[in-house]
Amino acid sequence: MKKWNWKFKKFSPGKMFFITAAILVSALNDGIYAQDGIAGINEANQQVRSYFDAGTQLMYAIGAILGLIGAVKVYQKWNAGDPDTGKVAAAWFGSCVFLVVVATVIQSFFGV
């Protein structure tokens, strides 16, 4: 395996001055344009709030799909004469109601 032979050239005092000056100017320039972060936090807040309505509608759609699947499953159990039909119906209905209630409560609680 070959070893690397790193040979750094020594900079002359004139080059070192220009390098130091460039670093200082760039550091000072970045400090001038720095912000306190409030604008970024407000922008993030607005973006999250704008996605909330779409997320709420998605939760309602998932609840509707689960409701349809649950209705078919309960119908099949009822026709088969299974004794636990009521328990399955309550579980599916409860999960659909939970999705709708959670979306509504979060929306009203956070004022979105």
PDB file of N, CA and C in Angstrom:
ATOM      1  N   MET A   1       0.837  -1.164   0.000  1.00  0.00           N
ATOM      2  CA  MET A   1       0.000   0.000   0.000  1.00  0.00           C
ATOM      3  C   MET A   1       0.892   1.241   0.000  1.00  0.00           C
ATOM      4  N   LYS A   2       0.565   2.206  -0.799  1.00  0.00           N
ATOM      5  CA  LYS A   2       1.394   3.396  -0.958  1.00  0.00           C
ATOM      6  C   LYS A   2       1.044   4.418   0.128  1.00  0.00           C
ATOM      7  N   LYS A   3       2.040   4.984   0.738  1.00  0.00           N
ATOM      8  CA  LYS A   3       1.829   6.031   1.726  1.00  0.00           C
ATOM      9  C   LYS A   3       1.797   7.366   1.000  1.00  0.00           C
ATOM     10  N   TRP A   4       0.933   8.210   1.475  1.00  0.00           N
ATOM     11  CA  TRP A   4       0.841   9.535   0.891  1.00  0.00           C
ATOM     12  C   TRP A   4       1.887  10.435   1.516  1.00  0.00           C
ATOM     13  N   ASN A   5       2.529  11.177   0.703  1.00  0.00           N
ATOM     14  CA  ASN A   5       3.533  12.115   1.170  1.00  0.00           C
ATOM     15  C   ASN A   5       2.967  13.520   0.991  1.00  0.00           C
ATOM     16  N   TRP A   6       2.412  14.047   2.048  1.00  0.00           N
ATOM     17  CA  TRP A   6       1.791  15.361   1.982  1.00  0.00           C
ATOM     18  C   TRP A   6       2.868  16.424   2.204  1.00  0.00           C
ATOM     19  N   LYS A   7       3.079  17.211   1.211  1.00  0.00           N
ATOM     20  CA  LYS A   7       4.040  18.302   1.344  1.00  0.00           C
ATOM     21  C   LYS A   7       3.295  19.607   1.094  1.00  0.00           C
ATOM     22  N   PHE A   8       3.145  20.355   2.152  1.00  0.00           N
ATOM     23  CA  PHE A   8       2.462  21.632   2.032  1.00  0.00           C
ATOM     24  C   PHE A   8       3.499  22.725   1.812  1.00  0.00           C
ATOM     25  N   LYS A   9       3.183  23.585   0.888  1.00  0.00           N
ATOM     26  CA  LYS A   9       4.091  24.699   0.628  1.00  0.00           C
ATOM     27  C   LYS A   9       3.902  25.751   1.724  1.00  0.00           C
ATOM     28  N   LYS A  10       4.993  26.371   2.080  1.00  0.00           N
ATOM     29  CA  LYS A  10       4.898  27.464   3.039  1.00  0.00           C
ATOM     30  C   LYS A  10       4.487  28.719   2.284  1.00  0.00           C
ATOM     31  N   PHE A  11       3.538  29.419   2.878  1.00  0.00           N
ATOM     32  CA  PHE A  11       3.063  30.641   2.247  1.00  0.00           C
ATOM     33  C   PHE A  11       3.954  31.803   2.639  1.00  0.00           C
ATOM     34  N   SER A  12       4.125  32.682   1.675  1.00  0.00           N
ATOM     35  CA  SER A  12       4.879  33.903   1.966  1.00  0.00           C
ATOM     36  C   SER A  12       4.016  34.809   2.837  1.00  0.00           C
ATOM     37  N   PRO A  13       4.609  35.761   3.540  1.00  0.00           N
ATOM     38  CA  PRO A  13       3.816  36.650   4.392  1.00  0.00           C
ATOM     39  C   PRO A  13       2.762  37.425   3.618  1.00  0.00           C
ATOM     40  N   GLY A  14       3.035  37.771   2.374  1.00  0.00           N
ATOM     41  CA  GLY A  14       2.042  38.487   1.567  1.00  0.00           C
ATOM     42  C   GLY A  14       0.832  37.630   1.257  1.00  0.00           C
ATOM     43  N   LYS A  15       1.074  36.364   0.886  1.00  0.00           N
ATOM     44  CA  LYS A  15      -0.044  35.450   0.617  1.00  0.00           C
ATOM     45  C   LYS A  15      -0.829  35.166   1.890  1.00  0.00           C
ATOM     46  N   MET A  16      -0.115  35.014   3.012  1.00  0.00           N
ATOM     47  CA  MET A  16      -0.780  34.741   4.275  1.00  0.00           C
ATOM     48  C   MET A  16      -1.679  35.908   4.678  1.00  0.00           C
ATOM     49  N   PHE A  17      -1.239  37.139   4.408  1.00  0.00           N
ATOM     50  CA  PHE A  17      -2.053  38.312   4.706  1.00  0.00           C
ATOM     51  C   PHE A  17      -3.344  38.294   3.899  1.00  0.00           C
ATOM     52  N   PHE A  18      -3.240  37.991   2.585  1.00  0.00           N
ATOM     53  CA  PHE A  18      -4.434  37.978   1.750  1.00  0.00           C
ATOM     54  C   PHE A  18      -5.391  36.849   2.134  1.00  0.00           C
ATOM     55  N   ILE A  19      -4.844  35.705   2.515  1.00  0.00           N
ATOM     56  CA  ILE A  19      -5.707  34.598   2.941  1.00  0.00           C
ATOM     57  C   ILE A  19      -6.435  34.965   4.234  1.00  0.00           C
ATOM     58  N   THR A  20      -5.708  35.532   5.192  1.00  0.00           N
ATOM     59  CA  THR A  20      -6.325  35.947   6.456  1.00  0.00           C
ATOM     60  C   THR A  20      -7.365  37.031   6.213  1.00  0.00           C
ATOM     61  N   ALA A  21      -7.075  37.978   5.346  1.00  0.00           N
ATOM     62  CA  ALA A  21      -8.015  39.053   5.049  1.00  0.00           C
ATOM     63  C   ALA A  21      -9.277  38.494   4.389  1.00  0.00           C
ATOM     64  N   ALA A  22      -9.132  37.532   3.490  1.00  0.00           N
ATOM     65  CA  ALA A  22     -10.299  36.936   2.820  1.00  0.00           C
ATOM     66  C   ALA A  22     -11.181  36.189   3.824  1.00  0.00           C
ATOM     67  N   ILE A  23     -10.546  35.484   4.747  1.00  0.00           N
ATOM     68  CA  ILE A  23     -11.321  34.751   5.762  1.00  0.00           C
ATOM     69  C   ILE A  23     -12.070  35.730   6.664  1.00  0.00           C
ATOM     70  N   LEU A  24     -11.414  36.796   7.079  1.00  0.00           N
ATOM     71  CA  LEU A  24     -12.064  37.783   7.947  1.00  0.00           C
ATOM     72  C   LEU A  24     -13.213  38.497   7.232  1.00  0.00           C
ATOM     73  N   VAL A  25     -13.015  38.856   5.972  1.00  0.00           N
ATOM     74  CA  VAL A  25     -14.077  39.535   5.222  1.00  0.00           C
ATOM     75  C   VAL A  25     -15.283  38.615   5.050  1.00  0.00           C
ATOM     76  N   SER A  26     -15.045  37.347   4.744  1.00  0.00           N
ATOM     77  CA  SER A  26     -16.176  36.434   4.574  1.00  0.00           C
ATOM     78  C   SER A  26     -16.886  36.198   5.901  1.00  0.00           C
ATOM     79  N   ALA A  27     -16.139  36.140   7.008  1.00  0.00           N
ATOM     80  CA  ALA A  27     -16.771  35.949   8.311  1.00  0.00           C
ATOM     81  C   ALA A  27     -17.603  37.165   8.696  1.00  0.00           C
ATOM     82  N   LEU A  28     -17.088  38.350   8.451  1.00  0.00           N
ATOM     83  CA  LEU A  28     -17.839  39.563   8.769  1.00  0.00           C
ATOM     84  C   LEU A  28     -19.051  39.712   7.858  1.00  0.00           C
ATOM     85  N   ASN A  29     -18.907  39.337   6.605  1.00  0.00           N
ATOM     86  CA  ASN A  29     -20.007  39.434   5.657  1.00  0.00           C
ATOM     87  C   ASN A  29     -21.145  38.510   6.066  1.00  0.00           C
ATOM     88  N   ASP A  30     -20.830  37.311   6.533  1.00  0.00           N
ATOM     89  CA  ASP A  30     -21.876  36.386   6.982  1.00  0.00           C
ATOM     90  C   ASP A  30     -22.576  36.931   8.217  1.00  0.00           C
ATOM     91  N   GLY A  31     -21.861  37.602   9.091  1.00  0.00           N
ATOM     92  CA  GLY A  31     -22.473  38.164  10.294  1.00  0.00           C
ATOM     93  C   GLY A  31     -23.438  39.282   9.975  1.00  0.00           C
ATOM     94  N   ILE A  32     -23.181  40.024   8.907  1.00  0.00           N
ATOM     95  CA  ILE A  32     -24.069  41.122   8.536  1.00  0.00           C
ATOM     96  C   ILE A  32     -25.430  40.585   8.087  1.00  0.00           C
ATOM     97  N   TYR A  33     -25.448  39.477   7.354  1.00  0.00           N
ATOM     98  CA  TYR A  33     -26.680  38.956   6.805  1.00  0.00           C
ATOM     99  C   TYR A  33     -27.367  37.933   7.715  1.00  0.00           C
ATOM    100  N   ALA A  34     -26.802  37.670   8.873  1.00  0.00           N
ATOM    101  CA  ALA A  34     -27.406  36.694   9.781  1.00  0.00           C
ATOM    102  C   ALA A  34     -28.703  37.264  10.351  1.00  0.00           C
ATOM    103  N   GLN A  35     -29.670  36.377  10.600  1.00  0.00           N
ATOM    104  CA  GLN A  35     -30.944  36.780  11.176  1.00  0.00           C
ATOM    105  C   GLN A  35     -31.117  36.102  12.516  1.00  0.00           C
ATOM    106  N   ASP A  36     -32.121  36.527  13.254  1.00  0.00           N
ATOM    107  CA  ASP A  36     -32.323  35.974  14.582  1.00  0.00           C
ATOM    108  C   ASP A  36     -33.127  34.672  14.566  1.00  0.00           C
ATOM    109  N   GLY A  37     -33.664  34.246  13.462  1.00  0.00           N
ATOM    110  CA  GLY A  37     -34.353  32.966  13.363  1.00  0.00           C
ATOM    111  C   GLY A  37     -35.866  33.065  13.445  1.00  0.00           C
ATOM    112  N   ILE A  38     -36.404  34.198  13.845  1.00  0.00           N
ATOM    113  CA  ILE A  38     -37.854  34.345  13.975  1.00  0.00           C
ATOM    114  C   ILE A  38     -38.539  34.205  12.624  1.00  0.00           C
ATOM    115  N   ALA A  39     -37.927  34.743  11.583  1.00  0.00           N
ATOM    116  CA  ALA A  39     -38.535  34.654  10.249  1.00  0.00           C
ATOM    117  C   ALA A  39     -38.614  33.197   9.801  1.00  0.00           C
ATOM    118  N   GLY A  40     -37.578  32.409  10.086  1.00  0.00           N
ATOM    119  CA  GLY A  40     -37.597  30.992   9.719  1.00  0.00           C
ATOM    120  C   GLY A  40     -38.638  30.211  10.496  1.00  0.00           C
ATOM    121  N   ILE A  41     -38.780  30.515  11.777  1.00  0.00           N
ATOM    122  CA  ILE A  41     -39.787  29.829  12.603  1.00  0.00           C
ATOM    123  C   ILE A  41     -41.188  30.180  12.120  1.00  0.00           C
ATOM    124  N   ASN A  42     -41.423  31.434  11.790  1.00  0.00           N
ATOM    125  CA  ASN A  42     -42.750  31.837  11.284  1.00  0.00           C
ATOM    126  C   ASN A  42     -43.057  31.181   9.945  1.00  0.00           C
ATOM    127  N   GLU A  43     -42.046  31.074   9.085  1.00  0.00           N
ATOM    128  CA  GLU A  43     -42.248  30.419   7.788  1.00  0.00           C
ATOM    129  C   GLU A  43     -42.569  28.940   7.967  1.00  0.00           C
ATOM    130  N   ALA A  44     -41.859  28.274   8.873  1.00  0.00           N
ATOM    131  CA  ALA A  44     -42.137  26.860   9.151  1.00  0.00           C
ATOM    132  C   ALA A  44     -43.541  26.694   9.724  1.00  0.00           C
ATOM    133  N   ASN A  45     -43.950  27.601  10.588  1.00  0.00           N
ATOM    134  CA  ASN A  45     -45.293  27.556  11.170  1.00  0.00           C
ATOM    135  C   ASN A  45     -46.356  27.669  10.082  1.00  0.00           C
ATOM    136  N   GLN A  46     -46.163  28.591   9.161  1.00  0.00           N
ATOM    137  CA  GLN A  46     -47.135  28.766   8.076  1.00  0.00           C
ATOM    138  C   GLN A  46     -47.191  27.532   7.178  1.00  0.00           C
ATOM    139  N   GLN A  47     -46.045  26.923   6.897  1.00  0.00           N
ATOM    140  CA  GLN A  47     -46.041  25.746   6.029  1.00  0.00           C
ATOM    141  C   GLN A  47     -46.736  24.562   6.691  1.00  0.00           C
ATOM    142  N   VAL A  48     -46.484  24.361   7.987  1.00  0.00           N
ATOM    143  CA  VAL A  48     -47.133  23.247   8.683  1.00  0.00           C
ATOM    144  C   VAL A  48     -48.634  23.471   8.747  1.00  0.00           C
ATOM    145  N   ARG A  49     -49.050  24.692   9.022  1.00  0.00           N
ATOM    146  CA  ARG A  49     -50.491  24.988   9.083  1.00  0.00           C
ATOM    147  C   ARG A  49     -51.157  24.820   7.718  1.00  0.00           C
ATOM    148  N   SER A  50     -50.425  25.102   6.646  1.00  0.00           N
ATOM    149  CA  SER A  50     -51.026  24.949   5.319  1.00  0.00           C
ATOM    150  C   SER A  50     -51.227  23.473   4.963  1.00  0.00           C
ATOM    151  N   TYR A  51     -50.412  22.579   5.532  1.00  0.00           N
ATOM    152  CA  TYR A  51     -50.570  21.147   5.268  1.00  0.00           C
ATOM    153  C   TYR A  51     -51.645  20.500   6.133  1.00  0.00           C
ATOM    154  N   PHE A  52     -52.090  21.169   7.166  1.00  0.00           N
ATOM    155  CA  PHE A  52     -52.991  20.536   8.127  1.00  0.00           C
ATOM    156  C   PHE A  52     -54.350  20.219   7.512  1.00  0.00           C
ATOM    157  N   ASP A  53     -54.884  21.116   6.688  1.00  0.00           N
ATOM    158  CA  ASP A  53     -56.191  20.849   6.066  1.00  0.00           C
ATOM    159  C   ASP A  53     -56.133  19.626   5.161  1.00  0.00           C
ATOM    160  N   ALA A  54     -55.060  19.495   4.402  1.00  0.00           N
ATOM    161  CA  ALA A  54     -54.915  18.317   3.537  1.00  0.00           C
ATOM    162  C   ALA A  54     -54.766  17.054   4.384  1.00  0.00           C
ATOM    163  N   GLY A  55     -54.039  17.140   5.498  1.00  0.00           N
ATOM    164  CA  GLY A  55     -53.895  15.989   6.389  1.00  0.00           C
ATOM    165  C   GLY A  55     -55.209  15.592   7.031  1.00  0.00           C
ATOM    166  N   THR A  56     -56.028  16.584   7.394  1.00  0.00           N
ATOM    167  CA  THR A  56     -57.339  16.295   7.970  1.00  0.00           C
ATOM    168  C   THR A  56     -58.235  15.597   6.946  1.00  0.00           C
ATOM    169  N   GLN A  57     -58.227  16.078   5.733  1.00  0.00           N
ATOM    170  CA  GLN A  57     -59.025  15.436   4.690  1.00  0.00           C
ATOM    171  C   GLN A  57     -58.535  14.017   4.419  1.00  0.00           C
ATOM    172  N   LEU A  58     -57.214  13.809   4.497  1.00  0.00           N
ATOM    173  CA  LEU A  58     -56.655  12.467   4.320  1.00  0.00           C
ATOM    174  C   LEU A  58     -57.121  11.538   5.435  1.00  0.00           C
ATOM    175  N   MET A  59     -57.164  12.036   6.659  1.00  0.00           N
ATOM    176  CA  MET A  59     -57.646  11.206   7.775  1.00  0.00           C
ATOM    177  C   MET A  59     -59.121  10.847   7.593  1.00  0.00           C
ATOM    178  N   TYR A  60     -59.910  11.800   7.122  1.00  0.00           N
ATOM    179  CA  TYR A  60     -61.325  11.499   6.850  1.00  0.00           C
ATOM    180  C   TYR A  60     -61.461  10.444   5.754  1.00  0.00           C
ATOM    181  N   ALA A  61     -60.629  10.543   4.722  1.00  0.00           N
ATOM    182  CA  ALA A  61     -60.692   9.560   3.632  1.00  0.00           C
ATOM    183  C   ALA A  61     -60.273   8.181   4.114  1.00  0.00           C
ATOM    184  N   ILE A  62     -59.234   8.108   4.944  1.00  0.00           N
ATOM    185  CA  ILE A  62     -58.812   6.817   5.487  1.00  0.00           C
ATOM    186  C   ILE A  62     -59.910   6.233   6.363  1.00  0.00           C
ATOM    187  N   GLY A  63     -60.563   7.080   7.155  1.00  0.00           N
ATOM    188  CA  GLY A  63     -61.688   6.618   7.979  1.00  0.00           C
ATOM    189  C   GLY A  63     -62.820   6.068   7.137  1.00  0.00           C
ATOM    190  N   ALA A  64     -63.105   6.720   6.011  1.00  0.00           N
ATOM    191  CA  ALA A  64     -64.177   6.236   5.131  1.00  0.00           C
ATOM    192  C   ALA A  64     -63.826   4.891   4.514  1.00  0.00           C
ATOM    193  N   ILE A  65     -62.586   4.733   4.091  1.00  0.00           N
ATOM    194  CA  ILE A  65     -62.164   3.459   3.496  1.00  0.00           C
ATOM    195  C   ILE A  65     -62.207   2.350   4.538  1.00  0.00           C
ATOM    196  N   LEU A  66     -61.719   2.647   5.741  1.00  0.00           N
ATOM    197  CA  LEU A  66     -61.788   1.643   6.807  1.00  0.00           C
ATOM    198  C   LEU A  66     -63.229   1.300   7.156  1.00  0.00           C
ATOM    199  N   GLY A  67     -64.102   2.291   7.087  1.00  0.00           N
ATOM    200  CA  GLY A  67     -65.523   2.030   7.345  1.00  0.00           C
ATOM    201  C   GLY A  67     -66.128   1.082   6.319  1.00  0.00           C
ATOM    202  N   LEU A  68     -65.781   1.289   5.045  1.00  0.00           N
ATOM    203  CA  LEU A  68     -66.309   0.404   4.006  1.00  0.00           C
ATOM    204  C   LEU A  68     -65.759  -1.017   4.147  1.00  0.00           C
ATOM    205  N   ILE A  69     -64.477  -1.124   4.421  1.00  0.00           N
ATOM    206  CA  ILE A  69     -63.879  -2.451   4.608  1.00  0.00           C
ATOM    207  C   ILE A  69     -64.501  -3.135   5.822  1.00  0.00           C
ATOM    208  N   GLY A  70     -64.682  -2.374   6.889  1.00  0.00           N
ATOM    209  CA  GLY A  70     -65.287  -2.926   8.100  1.00  0.00           C
ATOM    210  C   GLY A  70     -66.717  -3.369   7.867  1.00  0.00           C
ATOM    211  N   ALA A  71     -67.461  -2.596   7.084  1.00  0.00           N
ATOM    212  CA  ALA A  71     -68.853  -2.973   6.803  1.00  0.00           C
ATOM    213  C   ALA A  71     -68.906  -4.293   6.042  1.00  0.00           C
ATOM    214  N   VAL A  72     -68.026  -4.471   5.084  1.00  0.00           N
ATOM    215  CA  VAL A  72     -68.003  -5.728   4.333  1.00  0.00           C
ATOM    216  C   VAL A  72     -67.600  -6.884   5.236  1.00  0.00           C
ATOM    217  N   LYS A  73     -66.618  -6.664   6.106  1.00  0.00           N
ATOM    218  CA  LYS A  73     -66.170  -7.716   7.017  1.00  0.00           C
ATOM    219  C   LYS A  73     -67.282  -8.110   8.001  1.00  0.00           C
ATOM    220  N   VAL A  74     -67.973  -7.120   8.537  1.00  0.00           N
ATOM    221  CA  VAL A  74     -69.071  -7.407   9.466  1.00  0.00           C
ATOM    222  C   VAL A  74     -70.198  -8.129   8.738  1.00  0.00           C
ATOM    223  N   TYR A  75     -70.498  -7.715   7.519  1.00  0.00           N
ATOM    224  CA  TYR A  75     -71.550  -8.368   6.732  1.00  0.00           C
ATOM    225  C   TYR A  75     -71.213  -9.847   6.497  1.00  0.00           C
ATOM    226  N   GLN A  76     -69.939 -10.123   6.167  1.00  0.00           N
ATOM    227  CA  GLN A  76     -69.533 -11.516   5.945  1.00  0.00           C
ATOM    228  C   GLN A  76     -69.659 -12.338   7.232  1.00  0.00           C
ATOM    229  N   LYS A  77     -69.259 -11.758   8.363  1.00  0.00           N
ATOM    230  CA  LYS A  77     -69.363 -12.483   9.635  1.00  0.00           C
ATOM    231  C   LYS A  77     -70.825 -12.715  10.011  1.00  0.00           C
ATOM    232  N   TRP A  78     -71.659 -11.723   9.748  1.00  0.00           N
ATOM    233  CA  TRP A  78     -73.077 -11.851  10.100  1.00  0.00           C
ATOM    234  C   TRP A  78     -73.733 -12.957   9.276  1.00  0.00           C
ATOM    235  N   ASN A  79     -73.402 -12.991   7.991  1.00  0.00           N
ATOM    236  CA  ASN A  79     -73.975 -14.040   7.138  1.00  0.00           C
ATOM    237  C   ASN A  79     -73.426 -15.421   7.484  1.00  0.00           C
ATOM    238  N   ALA A  80     -72.202 -15.471   7.998  1.00  0.00           N
ATOM    239  CA  ALA A  80     -71.626 -16.758   8.375  1.00  0.00           C
ATOM    240  C   ALA A  80     -72.154 -17.232   9.732  1.00  0.00           C
ATOM    241  N   GLY A  81     -72.788 -16.345  10.472  1.00  0.00           N
ATOM    242  CA  GLY A  81     -73.344 -16.721  11.771  1.00  0.00           C
ATOM    243  C   GLY A  81     -72.320 -16.744  12.890  1.00  0.00           C
ATOM    244  N   ASP A  82     -71.246 -16.003  12.761  1.00  0.00           N
ATOM    245  CA  ASP A  82     -70.227 -15.950  13.818  1.00  0.00           C
ATOM    246  C   ASP A  82     -70.789 -15.264  15.061  1.00  0.00           C
ATOM    247  N   PRO A  83     -70.454 -15.774  16.232  1.00  0.00           N
ATOM    248  CA  PRO A  83     -70.991 -15.170  17.458  1.00  0.00           C
ATOM    249  C   PRO A  83     -70.308 -13.844  17.843  1.00  0.00           C
ATOM    250  N   ASP A  84     -69.133 -13.571  17.313  1.00  0.00           N
ATOM    251  CA  ASP A  84     -68.428 -12.336  17.686  1.00  0.00           C
ATOM    252  C   ASP A  84     -68.653 -11.200  16.702  1.00  0.00           C
ATOM    253  N   THR A  85     -69.774 -11.207  16.003  1.00  0.00           N
ATOM    254  CA  THR A  85     -70.060 -10.169  15.009  1.00  0.00           C
ATOM    255  C   THR A  85     -70.185  -8.802  15.662  1.00  0.00           C
ATOM    256  N   GLY A  86     -70.827  -8.733  16.804  1.00  0.00           N
ATOM    257  CA  GLY A  86     -71.009  -7.457  17.495  1.00  0.00           C
ATOM    258  C   GLY A  86     -69.683  -6.852  17.922  1.00  0.00           C
ATOM    259  N   LYS A  87     -68.765  -7.699  18.376  1.00  0.00           N
ATOM    260  CA  LYS A  87     -67.455  -7.203  18.807  1.00  0.00           C
ATOM    261  C   LYS A  87     -66.657  -6.662  17.616  1.00  0.00           C
ATOM    262  N   VAL A  88     -66.698  -7.347  16.498  1.00  0.00           N
ATOM    263  CA  VAL A  88     -65.987  -6.884  15.293  1.00  0.00           C
ATOM    264  C   VAL A  88     -66.608  -5.590  14.782  1.00  0.00           C
ATOM    265  N   ALA A  89     -67.930  -5.512  14.802  1.00  0.00           N
ATOM    266  CA  ALA A  89     -68.609  -4.288  14.346  1.00  0.00           C
ATOM    267  C   ALA A  89     -68.242  -3.108  15.234  1.00  0.00           C
ATOM    268  N   ALA A  90     -68.215  -3.328  16.537  1.00  0.00           N
ATOM    269  CA  ALA A  90     -67.856  -2.246  17.455  1.00  0.00           C
ATOM    270  C   ALA A  90     -66.410  -1.806  17.255  1.00  0.00           C
ATOM    271  N   ALA A  91     -65.527  -2.740  17.004  1.00  0.00           N
ATOM    272  CA  ALA A  91     -64.119  -2.393  16.801  1.00  0.00           C
ATOM    273  C   ALA A  91     -63.932  -1.564  15.534  1.00  0.00           C
ATOM    274  N   TRP A  92     -64.540  -1.980  14.433  1.00  0.00           N
ATOM    275  CA  TRP A  92     -64.396  -1.228  13.191  1.00  0.00           C
ATOM    276  C   TRP A  92     -65.063   0.141  13.295  1.00  0.00           C
ATOM    277  N   PHE A  93     -66.241   0.184  13.869  1.00  0.00           N
ATOM    278  CA  PHE A  93     -66.936   1.462  14.020  1.00  0.00           C
ATOM    279  C   PHE A  93     -66.146   2.393  14.943  1.00  0.00           C
ATOM    280  N   GLY A  94     -65.603   1.838  16.012  1.00  0.00           N
ATOM    281  CA  GLY A  94     -64.814   2.643  16.939  1.00  0.00           C
ATOM    282  C   GLY A  94     -63.564   3.218  16.301  1.00  0.00           C
ATOM    283  N   SER A  95     -62.911   2.439  15.464  1.00  0.00           N
ATOM    284  CA  SER A  95     -61.700   2.952  14.812  1.00  0.00           C
ATOM    285  C   SER A  95     -62.030   4.079  13.839  1.00  0.00           C
ATOM    286  N   CYS A  96     -63.127   3.964  13.131  1.00  0.00           N
ATOM    287  CA  CYS A  96     -63.525   5.035  12.202  1.00  0.00           C
ATOM    288  C   CYS A  96     -63.893   6.302  12.968  1.00  0.00           C
ATOM    289  N   VAL A  97     -64.657   6.147  14.036  1.00  0.00           N
ATOM    290  CA  VAL A  97     -65.039   7.305  14.841  1.00  0.00           C
ATOM    291  C   VAL A  97     -63.800   7.942  15.467  1.00  0.00           C
ATOM    292  N   PHE A  98     -62.837   7.121  15.911  1.00  0.00           N
ATOM    293  CA  PHE A  98     -61.618   7.641  16.508  1.00  0.00           C
ATOM    294  C   PHE A  98     -60.852   8.519  15.527  1.00  0.00           C
ATOM    295  N   LEU A  99     -60.712   8.082  14.284  1.00  0.00           N
ATOM    296  CA  LEU A  99     -59.996   8.895  13.292  1.00  0.00           C
ATOM    297  C   LEU A  99     -60.672  10.244  13.072  1.00  0.00           C
ATOM    298  N   VAL A 100     -61.986  10.238  12.978  1.00  0.00           N
ATOM    299  CA  VAL A 100     -62.720  11.481  12.737  1.00  0.00           C
ATOM    300  C   VAL A 100     -62.624  12.394  13.952  1.00  0.00           C
ATOM    301  N   VAL A 101     -62.796  11.830  15.148  1.00  0.00           N
ATOM    302  CA  VAL A 101     -62.766  12.643  16.356  1.00  0.00           C
ATOM    303  C   VAL A 101     -61.370  13.225  16.587  1.00  0.00           C
ATOM    304  N   VAL A 102     -60.335  12.428  16.364  1.00  0.00           N
ATOM    305  CA  VAL A 102     -58.973  12.924  16.567  1.00  0.00           C
ATOM    306  C   VAL A 102     -58.678  14.084  15.619  1.00  0.00           C
ATOM    307  N   ALA A 103     -59.055  13.959  14.370  1.00  0.00           N
ATOM    308  CA  ALA A 103     -58.805  15.044  13.412  1.00  0.00           C
ATOM    309  C   ALA A 103     -59.554  16.308  13.824  1.00  0.00           C
ATOM    310  N   THR A 104     -60.782  16.165  14.277  1.00  0.00           N
ATOM    311  CA  THR A 104     -61.580  17.325  14.669  1.00  0.00           C
ATOM    312  C   THR A 104     -61.053  17.956  15.955  1.00  0.00           C
ATOM    313  N   VAL A 105     -60.683  17.129  16.918  1.00  0.00           N
ATOM    314  CA  VAL A 105     -60.193  17.658  18.194  1.00  0.00           C
ATOM    315  C   VAL A 105     -58.866  18.386  18.003  1.00  0.00           C
ATOM    316  N   ILE A 106     -57.972  17.817  17.220  1.00  0.00           N
ATOM    317  CA  ILE A 106     -56.684  18.492  16.975  1.00  0.00           C
ATOM    318  C   ILE A 106     -56.913  19.813  16.266  1.00  0.00           C
ATOM    319  N   GLN A 107     -57.821  19.831  15.333  1.00  0.00           N
ATOM    320  CA  GLN A 107     -58.102  21.059  14.605  1.00  0.00           C
ATOM    321  C   GLN A 107     -58.661  22.133  15.531  1.00  0.00           C
ATOM    322  N   SER A 108     -59.579  21.768  16.413  1.00  0.00           N
ATOM    323  CA  SER A 108     -60.157  22.778  17.306  1.00  0.00           C
ATOM    324  C   SER A 108     -59.212  23.132  18.457  1.00  0.00           C
ATOM    325  N   PHE A 109     -58.435  22.170  18.941  1.00  0.00           N
ATOM    326  CA  PHE A 109     -57.538  22.410  20.066  1.00  0.00           C
ATOM    327  C   PHE A 109     -56.408  23.354  19.701  1.00  0.00           C
ATOM    328  N   PHE A 110     -55.813  23.162  18.540  1.00  0.00           N
ATOM    329  CA  PHE A 110     -54.694  24.002  18.122  1.00  0.00           C
ATOM    330  C   PHE A 110     -55.129  25.213  17.300  1.00  0.00           C
ATOM    331  N   GLY A 111     -56.399  25.344  17.015  1.00  0.00           N
ATOM    332  CA  GLY A 111     -56.890  26.506  16.292  1.00  0.00           C
ATOM    333  C   GLY A 111     -56.370  26.623  14.886  1.00  0.00           C
ATOM    334  N   VAL A 112     -56.222  25.490  14.229  1.00  0.00           N
ATOM    335  CA  VAL A 112     -55.670  25.494  12.871  1.00  0.00           C
ATOM    336  C   VAL A 112     -56.770  25.716  11.870  1.00  0.00           C
TER     337      VAL A 112
END
